[in-house]
């Protein structure tokens, strides 16, 4: 007579799935970096390049700091809002000036 344990025999594998999620979240947190500190000259240079790209309608490559990671965006600048200190890209993405780490004119 064969006694099958049914679902009970598969319960240990349930813990493997959740441990994988925990390991992935730990690795995700471990790979985060601190926000780079920009000098006044670097901030001024970024500001000048933003204005130039906006008026010349040049495509820019923006490197922004978001949630512990440096993200690269390539787009045109649609609007610069000095009141709220943010820029709006062509795909309606809003970026704060304080998030911008580097800008490259294409």
C-alpha atoms as a PDB file:
ATOM      1  CA  UNK A   1       0.000   0.000   0.000  1.00  0.00           C
ATOM      2  CA  UNK A   2       1.455   3.360  -1.085  1.00  0.00           C
ATOM      3  CA  UNK A   3       0.806   6.254   1.283  1.00  0.00           C
ATOM      4  CA  UNK A   4       1.174   9.515  -0.587  1.00  0.00           C
ATOM      5  CA  UNK A   5       1.760  12.589   1.556  1.00  0.00           C
ATOM      6  CA  UNK A   6       0.067  14.786  -1.047  1.00  0.00           C
ATOM      7  CA  UNK A   7       0.798  18.495  -0.768  1.00  0.00           C
ATOM      8  CA  UNK A   8       2.815  18.034   2.438  1.00  0.00           C
ATOM      9  CA  UNK A   9       5.848  16.751   0.516  1.00  0.00           C
ATOM     10  CA  UNK A  10       5.974  20.005  -1.539  1.00  0.00           C
ATOM     11  CA  UNK A  11       5.860  22.435   1.406  1.00  0.00           C
ATOM     12  CA  UNK A  12       9.684  22.680   1.853  1.00  0.00           C
ATOM     13  CA  UNK A  13       9.980  24.021  -1.718  1.00  0.00           C
ATOM     14  CA  UNK A  14       7.641  26.898  -0.823  1.00  0.00           C
ATOM     15  CA  UNK A  15      10.330  28.240   1.500  1.00  0.00           C
ATOM     16  CA  UNK A  16      12.869  28.228  -1.369  1.00  0.00           C
ATOM     17  CA  UNK A  17      10.770  30.679  -3.390  1.00  0.00           C
ATOM     18  CA  UNK A  18      10.477  33.146  -0.524  1.00  0.00           C
ATOM     19  CA  UNK A  19      14.181  32.861   0.330  1.00  0.00           C
ATOM     20  CA  UNK A  20      15.035  33.670  -3.299  1.00  0.00           C
ATOM     21  CA  UNK A  21      12.945  36.839  -3.027  1.00  0.00           C
ATOM     22  CA  UNK A  22      14.722  37.784   0.200  1.00  0.00           C
ATOM     23  CA  UNK A  23      18.150  37.191  -1.370  1.00  0.00           C
ATOM     24  CA  UNK A  24      17.187  39.260  -4.427  1.00  0.00           C
ATOM     25  CA  UNK A  25      16.012  42.143  -2.242  1.00  0.00           C
ATOM     26  CA  UNK A  26      19.234  41.996  -0.179  1.00  0.00           C
ATOM     27  CA  UNK A  27      21.351  42.098  -3.345  1.00  0.00           C
ATOM     28  CA  UNK A  28      19.239  44.978  -4.681  1.00  0.00           C
ATOM     29  CA  UNK A  29      19.835  46.965  -1.489  1.00  0.00           C
ATOM     30  CA  UNK A  30      23.530  46.074  -1.440  1.00  0.00           C
ATOM     31  CA  UNK A  31      24.089  47.462  -4.944  1.00  0.00           C
ATOM     32  CA  UNK A  32      22.730  50.904  -4.053  1.00  0.00           C
ATOM     33  CA  UNK A  33      25.173  53.806  -3.977  1.00  0.00           C
ATOM     34  CA  UNK A  34      25.226  57.129  -2.182  1.00  0.00           C
ATOM     35  CA  UNK A  35      24.279  60.251  -4.090  1.00  0.00           C
ATOM     36  CA  UNK A  36      27.324  61.952  -5.606  1.00  0.00           C
ATOM     37  CA  UNK A  37      28.046  65.404  -4.206  1.00  0.00           C
ATOM     38  CA  UNK A  38      28.444  68.035  -6.918  1.00  0.00           C
ATOM     39  CA  UNK A  39      30.592  71.140  -6.559  1.00  0.00           C
ATOM     40  CA  UNK A  40      29.182  74.574  -7.357  1.00  0.00           C
ATOM     41  CA  UNK A  41      31.101  74.564 -10.652  1.00  0.00           C
ATOM     42  CA  UNK A  42      29.566  71.237 -11.660  1.00  0.00           C
ATOM     43  CA  UNK A  43      26.078  72.485 -10.776  1.00  0.00           C
ATOM     44  CA  UNK A  44      26.666  75.643 -12.819  1.00  0.00           C
ATOM     45  CA  UNK A  45      27.916  73.616 -15.783  1.00  0.00           C
ATOM     46  CA  UNK A  46      24.842  71.353 -15.638  1.00  0.00           C
ATOM     47  CA  UNK A  47      22.591  74.414 -15.507  1.00  0.00           C
ATOM     48  CA  UNK A  48      24.288  76.009 -18.531  1.00  0.00           C
ATOM     49  CA  UNK A  49      24.068  72.796 -20.549  1.00  0.00           C
ATOM     50  CA  UNK A  50      20.368  72.420 -19.662  1.00  0.00           C
ATOM     51  CA  UNK A  51      19.618  75.939 -20.890  1.00  0.00           C
ATOM     52  CA  UNK A  52      21.666  75.433 -24.055  1.00  0.00           C
ATOM     53  CA  UNK A  53      19.967  72.106 -24.840  1.00  0.00           C
ATOM     54  CA  UNK A  54      16.525  73.602 -24.228  1.00  0.00           C
ATOM     55  CA  UNK A  55      17.000  76.602 -26.527  1.00  0.00           C
ATOM     56  CA  UNK A  56      18.902  74.704 -29.217  1.00  0.00           C
ATOM     57  CA  UNK A  57      16.481  71.738 -29.004  1.00  0.00           C
ATOM     58  CA  UNK A  58      19.417  69.340 -28.755  1.00  0.00           C
ATOM     59  CA  UNK A  59      19.043  65.793 -27.527  1.00  0.00           C
ATOM     60  CA  UNK A  60      20.661  65.238 -24.140  1.00  0.00           C
ATOM     61  CA  UNK A  61      21.856  62.273 -22.138  1.00  0.00           C
ATOM     62  CA  UNK A  62      20.954  62.824 -18.497  1.00  0.00           C
ATOM     63  CA  UNK A  63      22.391  60.811 -15.651  1.00  0.00           C
ATOM     64  CA  UNK A  64      20.098  61.080 -12.659  1.00  0.00           C
ATOM     65  CA  UNK A  65      20.235  59.685  -9.157  1.00  0.00           C
ATOM     66  CA  UNK A  66      17.075  57.880  -8.129  1.00  0.00           C
ATOM     67  CA  UNK A  67      16.545  55.492  -5.202  1.00  0.00           C
ATOM     68  CA  UNK A  68      20.218  54.627  -4.837  1.00  0.00           C
ATOM     69  CA  UNK A  69      20.995  54.104  -8.518  1.00  0.00           C
ATOM     70  CA  UNK A  70      22.328  56.213 -11.393  1.00  0.00           C
ATOM     71  CA  UNK A  71      19.851  56.077 -14.280  1.00  0.00           C
ATOM     72  CA  UNK A  72      20.655  57.236 -17.816  1.00  0.00           C
ATOM     73  CA  UNK A  73      17.930  58.956 -19.845  1.00  0.00           C
ATOM     74  CA  UNK A  74      18.185  60.151 -23.438  1.00  0.00           C
ATOM     75  CA  UNK A  75      15.604  62.717 -24.522  1.00  0.00           C
ATOM     76  CA  UNK A  76      14.852  66.284 -25.529  1.00  0.00           C
ATOM     77  CA  UNK A  77      14.017  68.916 -22.931  1.00  0.00           C
ATOM     78  CA  UNK A  78      10.423  70.055 -23.271  1.00  0.00           C
ATOM     79  CA  UNK A  79      10.299  72.612 -20.465  1.00  0.00           C
ATOM     80  CA  UNK A  80      12.392  74.057 -17.642  1.00  0.00           C
ATOM     81  CA  UNK A  81      10.457  75.091 -14.535  1.00  0.00           C
ATOM     82  CA  UNK A  82      12.592  77.340 -12.356  1.00  0.00           C
ATOM     83  CA  UNK A  83       9.846  77.829  -9.779  1.00  0.00           C
ATOM     84  CA  UNK A  84       9.687  74.164  -8.814  1.00  0.00           C
ATOM     85  CA  UNK A  85      13.276  73.449  -9.909  1.00  0.00           C
ATOM     86  CA  UNK A  86      12.465  70.679 -12.344  1.00  0.00           C
ATOM     87  CA  UNK A  87      12.667  69.882 -16.028  1.00  0.00           C
ATOM     88  CA  UNK A  88      10.161  68.091 -18.220  1.00  0.00           C
ATOM     89  CA  UNK A  89      11.386  65.754 -20.938  1.00  0.00           C
ATOM     90  CA  UNK A  90       9.606  64.974 -24.215  1.00  0.00           C
ATOM     91  CA  UNK A  91       8.065  61.800 -22.791  1.00  0.00           C
ATOM     92  CA  UNK A  92       6.587  63.944 -19.944  1.00  0.00           C
ATOM     93  CA  UNK A  93       9.074  62.611 -17.406  1.00  0.00           C
ATOM     94  CA  UNK A  94       9.638  65.179 -14.664  1.00  0.00           C
ATOM     95  CA  UNK A  95      13.095  65.405 -13.116  1.00  0.00           C
ATOM     96  CA  UNK A  96      14.179  67.601 -10.239  1.00  0.00           C
ATOM     97  CA  UNK A  97      17.366  69.633 -10.672  1.00  0.00           C
ATOM     98  CA  UNK A  98      18.721  67.989  -7.529  1.00  0.00           C
ATOM     99  CA  UNK A  99      18.461  64.529  -9.152  1.00  0.00           C
ATOM    100  CA  UNK A 100      20.720  65.416 -12.098  1.00  0.00           C
ATOM    101  CA  UNK A 101      24.266  64.129 -11.675  1.00  0.00           C
ATOM    102  CA  UNK A 102      25.590  64.713 -15.216  1.00  0.00           C
ATOM    103  CA  UNK A 103      24.411  65.933 -18.597  1.00  0.00           C
ATOM    104  CA  UNK A 104      25.892  65.285 -22.019  1.00  0.00           C
ATOM    105  CA  UNK A 105      24.804  67.157 -25.139  1.00  0.00           C
ATOM    106  CA  UNK A 106      24.347  64.791 -28.087  1.00  0.00           C
END
